[in-house]
Amino acid sequence: MSRRIALITDVLHFIGQASAEALTNDGFRVLCCDEAFADGTERAKFINAHPALTPLAAQSPEEIRDVIATDYGRLDVLVNNDAYPADKAPVEEVTQHALSETFGHLLFRPYLLTVALVPMMKEALQGKVIFVSSAAPLRGLPNYSMYVTARGAANTLAQTLAQELARWNIQVNALAPNFVESPTYFPPSLMENPEIRDKILSNIPLGRLGKQEEAAGVISFLASQKSNFITGHVIPLAGGWA
């Protein structure tokens, strides 16, 4: 059997690199895409730092599909690891531009990439699609309506696609983190301030931020054959907050 192929998006952010390392350790050939890889210098730096991973220069869903189909001939796992800052704003101050940017990064981009790549999985009669979203929609966050709504839509997309694609033996799930270490959502400027740090941690029953390796462990499980009878779930990873 040829080596299994996984694709992780936005690999330089959120839980991308931890997930890539976990899947590599599981025996996958891990392909990575990120907007930064449009710059050849940045892509070369990534190759030097992560020789076991394969960064793709392709950017659009169609380009990514064509590269994978031509060079590898299969795709076993798609990890839509999309990240974008959670901008805080009262709902009446939300602008159309900000709304478009948030939904573009957190919903439209993973949606369209999934559209492009699912036919390959259908043909193979197997596959895993994993959306890395957020636990925020499970409870709601005042003043974060753009972010929460976009993430909630991604969660619902995972549940819907799970039912639609099940007859092709494709499992679709969403990992829904909150309070996981990430420069995008919990930068040092926040966590190094004792007052702010204590306020953040007071919301978490386990009393600490989650580690990226813990989130990557769930990705590893969902990408494995051990999860073949698990589909349509939104799995919180939030230390008891959700």
Protein backbone atom coordinates (compact mmCIF):
# COMPACT_ATOMS: atom_id res chain seq x y z
CA MET A 1 0.00 0.00 0.00
CA SER A 2 1.38 3.42 -0.93
CA ARG A 3 2.10 5.96 1.75
CA ARG A 4 -0.93 7.88 2.98
CA ILE A 5 -1.13 11.55 2.09
CA ALA A 6 -2.37 14.34 4.37
CA LEU A 7 -2.79 18.04 3.61
CA ILE A 8 -2.73 20.68 6.35
CA THR A 9 -3.71 24.26 5.56
CA ASP A 10 -2.41 27.44 7.19
CA VAL A 11 0.38 25.31 8.61
CA LEU A 12 2.34 28.22 10.09
CA HIS A 13 -0.57 29.15 12.35
CA PHE A 14 -2.93 27.81 15.02
CA ILE A 15 -2.18 24.08 15.50
CA GLY A 16 -0.70 23.58 12.04
CA GLN A 17 2.90 22.71 12.86
CA ALA A 18 2.02 20.50 15.83
CA SER A 19 -0.49 18.62 13.68
CA ALA A 20 2.02 18.23 10.86
CA GLU A 21 4.55 16.74 13.26
CA ALA A 22 1.95 14.35 14.71
CA LEU A 23 0.82 13.09 11.31
CA THR A 24 4.40 12.71 10.13
CA ASN A 25 5.07 10.57 13.19
CA ASP A 26 2.00 8.52 12.25
CA GLY A 27 3.58 7.70 8.89
CA PHE A 28 1.78 10.19 6.65
CA ARG A 29 3.46 12.17 3.94
CA VAL A 30 2.34 15.61 5.03
CA LEU A 31 1.72 18.31 2.45
CA CYS A 32 1.36 21.87 3.74
CA CYS A 33 -0.05 25.05 2.33
CA ASP A 34 0.09 28.57 3.70
CA GLU A 35 -0.29 32.02 2.19
CA ALA A 36 3.33 32.72 3.17
CA PHE A 37 4.54 30.02 0.77
CA ALA A 38 3.70 32.26 -2.19
CA ASP A 39 7.04 33.84 -1.25
CA GLY A 40 9.73 31.44 -2.44
CA THR A 41 12.13 32.59 0.28
CA GLU A 42 9.62 31.80 3.02
CA ARG A 43 8.93 28.42 1.46
CA ALA A 44 12.67 27.66 1.38
CA LYS A 45 13.00 28.60 5.04
CA PHE A 46 10.16 26.22 5.89
CA ILE A 47 11.80 23.39 3.93
CA ASN A 48 15.07 23.91 5.78
CA ALA A 49 13.31 23.95 9.16
CA HIS A 50 10.95 21.05 8.40
CA PRO A 51 12.65 18.66 5.95
CA ALA A 52 10.04 15.92 6.54
CA LEU A 53 7.19 18.16 5.37
CA THR A 54 6.28 19.20 1.82
CA PRO A 55 5.14 22.83 1.39
CA LEU A 56 3.03 23.51 -1.69
CA ALA A 57 3.55 26.66 -3.71
CA ALA A 58 0.00 26.35 -5.04
CA GLN A 59 -2.50 28.75 -3.51
CA SER A 60 -5.96 28.37 -5.03
CA PRO A 61 -8.10 25.28 -4.31
CA GLU A 62 -7.89 24.28 -7.97
CA GLU A 63 -4.09 24.62 -8.06
CA ILE A 64 -3.74 22.61 -4.86
CA ARG A 65 -6.03 19.90 -6.24
CA ASP A 66 -4.07 19.68 -9.48
CA VAL A 67 -0.69 19.42 -7.74
CA ILE A 68 -1.90 16.67 -5.41
CA ALA A 69 -3.59 14.73 -8.21
CA THR A 70 -0.56 14.97 -10.52
CA ASP A 71 2.26 14.46 -8.03
CA TYR A 72 0.68 12.11 -5.49
CA GLY A 73 -2.46 10.66 -7.03
CA ARG A 74 -4.37 10.47 -3.77
CA LEU A 75 -5.42 12.38 -0.67
CA ASP A 76 -6.33 10.52 2.49
CA VAL A 77 -6.72 13.34 5.02
CA LEU A 78 -7.56 17.02 4.71
CA VAL A 79 -6.99 19.16 7.80
CA ASN A 80 -8.58 22.57 7.32
CA ASN A 81 -6.50 24.36 9.96
CA ASP A 82 -7.67 27.90 9.25
CA ALA A 83 -6.84 30.77 11.58
CA TYR A 84 -7.73 34.44 11.61
CA PRO A 85 -7.68 36.99 14.45
CA ALA A 86 -10.86 37.15 16.51
CA ASP A 87 -11.57 40.87 16.23
CA LYS A 88 -13.58 42.27 19.11
CA ALA A 89 -16.38 44.69 18.17
CA PRO A 90 -19.99 45.38 19.17
CA VAL A 91 -22.31 44.07 16.48
CA GLU A 92 -23.30 47.58 15.34
CA GLU A 93 -19.66 48.39 14.63
CA VAL A 94 -19.02 45.39 12.39
CA THR A 95 -18.08 46.50 8.87
CA GLN A 96 -18.82 44.66 5.67
CA HIS A 97 -15.11 44.52 4.90
CA ALA A 98 -14.23 42.95 8.27
CA LEU A 99 -17.10 40.50 7.93
CA SER A 100 -15.95 39.51 4.45
CA GLU A 101 -12.35 39.00 5.60
CA THR A 102 -13.35 36.90 8.60
CA PHE A 103 -15.74 34.67 6.66
CA GLY A 104 -13.28 34.47 3.76
CA HIS A 105 -10.54 33.03 5.93
CA LEU A 106 -12.58 30.89 8.33
CA LEU A 107 -15.42 29.60 6.16
CA PHE A 108 -15.14 30.27 2.42
CA ARG A 109 -11.52 29.16 2.05
CA PRO A 110 -11.92 25.77 3.81
CA TYR A 111 -15.30 25.27 2.14
CA LEU A 112 -13.91 25.79 -1.37
CA LEU A 113 -10.80 23.71 -0.72
CA THR A 114 -12.99 20.86 0.51
CA VAL A 115 -15.15 21.19 -2.60
CA ALA A 116 -12.04 20.86 -4.77
CA LEU A 117 -10.54 17.87 -2.95
CA VAL A 118 -13.52 15.72 -1.96
CA PRO A 119 -13.93 14.19 -5.47
CA MET A 120 -10.50 12.57 -5.06
CA MET A 121 -11.69 10.96 -1.82
CA LYS A 122 -14.97 9.89 -3.40
CA GLU A 123 -13.11 8.12 -6.17
CA ALA A 124 -11.01 6.28 -3.59
CA LEU A 125 -14.08 5.46 -1.47
CA GLN A 126 -12.29 6.66 1.66
CA GLY A 127 -11.06 9.83 3.30
CA LYS A 128 -11.01 12.07 6.35
CA VAL A 129 -11.90 15.76 6.44
CA ILE A 130 -11.12 17.59 9.67
CA PHE A 131 -12.13 21.20 10.28
CA VAL A 132 -10.15 22.96 13.00
CA SER A 133 -12.70 25.51 14.15
CA SER A 134 -13.56 26.78 17.63
CA ALA A 135 -15.57 25.96 20.73
CA ALA A 136 -16.74 29.59 20.87
CA PRO A 137 -20.00 28.90 18.94
CA LEU A 138 -20.93 26.25 21.51
CA ARG A 139 -21.47 29.00 24.09
CA GLY A 140 -21.23 32.30 22.25
CA LEU A 141 -18.92 35.22 22.98
CA PRO A 142 -20.36 38.74 23.27
CA ASN A 143 -18.67 41.26 20.96
CA TYR A 144 -17.16 38.53 18.78
CA SER A 145 -20.11 37.97 16.47
CA MET A 146 -18.03 37.80 13.25
CA TYR A 147 -15.62 35.21 14.55
CA VAL A 148 -18.19 33.09 16.38
CA THR A 149 -20.60 33.04 13.45
CA ALA A 150 -17.90 32.06 10.95
CA ARG A 151 -16.64 29.28 13.22
CA GLY A 152 -20.19 28.12 13.91
CA ALA A 153 -20.84 27.85 10.19
CA ALA A 154 -17.69 25.71 9.80
CA ASN A 155 -18.90 23.42 12.59
CA THR A 156 -22.26 23.04 10.88
CA LEU A 157 -20.56 22.42 7.54
CA ALA A 158 -18.65 19.51 9.09
CA GLN A 159 -21.84 17.99 10.45
CA THR A 160 -23.65 18.38 7.14
CA LEU A 161 -20.82 17.00 5.00
CA ALA A 162 -20.52 14.03 7.35
CA GLN A 163 -24.02 12.95 6.38
CA GLU A 164 -23.60 13.80 2.71
CA LEU A 165 -20.28 11.97 2.25
CA ALA A 166 -20.80 8.97 4.51
CA ARG A 167 -21.81 6.65 1.68
CA TRP A 168 -18.35 7.16 0.15
CA ASN A 169 -16.73 6.13 3.45
CA ILE A 170 -15.54 9.69 4.11
CA GLN A 171 -15.57 10.79 7.74
CA VAL A 172 -15.94 14.50 8.50
CA ASN A 173 -15.46 16.01 11.94
CA ALA A 174 -14.58 19.33 13.53
CA LEU A 175 -12.08 19.89 16.31
CA ALA A 176 -13.31 22.89 18.29
CA PRO A 177 -10.52 24.36 20.44
CA ASN A 178 -10.66 27.28 22.81
CA PHE A 179 -7.99 28.48 25.21
CA VAL A 180 -5.25 26.62 23.35
CA GLU A 181 -1.78 28.19 23.22
CA SER A 182 -1.49 30.18 20.00
CA PRO A 183 0.19 33.48 19.10
CA THR A 184 -2.87 34.29 16.97
CA TYR A 185 -5.33 34.12 19.86
CA PHE A 186 -3.23 34.31 23.03
CA PRO A 187 -0.11 36.33 22.14
CA PRO A 188 2.69 36.90 24.67
CA SER A 189 1.51 40.49 25.15
CA LEU A 190 -1.61 39.06 26.82
CA MET A 191 -0.24 36.06 28.67
CA GLU A 192 2.78 37.92 30.10
CA ASN A 193 0.45 40.39 31.83
CA PRO A 194 -0.42 38.74 35.19
CA GLU A 195 -3.78 40.48 35.52
CA ILE A 196 -4.93 39.58 32.03
CA ARG A 197 -3.50 36.05 32.27
CA ASP A 198 -5.32 35.38 35.54
CA LYS A 199 -8.58 36.70 34.08
CA ILE A 200 -8.24 34.39 31.06
CA LEU A 201 -7.34 31.34 33.13
CA SER A 202 -10.23 31.97 35.54
CA ASN A 203 -12.60 31.01 32.70
CA ILE A 204 -11.03 27.58 32.27
CA PRO A 205 -12.07 24.83 34.71
CA LEU A 206 -8.71 23.08 34.25
CA GLY A 207 -6.95 26.35 35.09
CA ARG A 208 -4.49 26.45 32.19
CA LEU A 209 -4.23 26.90 28.45
CA GLY A 210 -4.25 23.77 26.33
CA LYS A 211 -1.10 22.75 24.54
CA GLN A 212 -0.88 22.55 20.76
CA GLU A 213 0.38 18.98 21.11
CA GLU A 214 -2.86 18.06 22.87
CA ALA A 215 -4.90 19.43 19.98
CA ALA A 216 -2.61 17.65 17.51
CA GLY A 217 -3.24 14.41 19.37
CA VAL A 218 -6.94 14.67 18.54
CA ILE A 219 -6.08 15.40 14.91
CA SER A 220 -3.90 12.29 14.89
CA PHE A 221 -6.79 10.19 16.19
CA LEU A 222 -9.33 11.61 13.74
CA ALA A 223 -6.91 11.01 10.85
CA SER A 224 -6.35 7.40 11.87
CA GLN A 225 -8.25 4.22 11.07
CA LYS A 226 -9.28 4.11 14.74
CA SER A 227 -11.86 6.83 14.02
CA ASN A 228 -13.56 5.16 11.05
CA PHE A 229 -16.91 4.97 12.85
CA ILE A 230 -16.80 8.56 14.10
CA THR A 231 -18.28 11.21 11.85
CA GLY A 232 -20.37 14.36 12.16
CA HIS A 233 -18.99 15.42 15.53
CA VAL A 234 -17.85 18.79 16.84
CA ILE A 235 -15.29 17.88 19.49
CA PRO A 236 -14.54 20.60 22.08
CA LEU A 237 -10.96 20.98 23.27
CA ALA A 238 -11.41 23.75 25.81
CA GLY A 239 -10.38 22.56 29.26
CA GLY A 240 -13.99 22.22 30.42
CA TRP A 241 -15.12 25.66 29.20
CA ALA A 242 -17.36 23.94 26.61
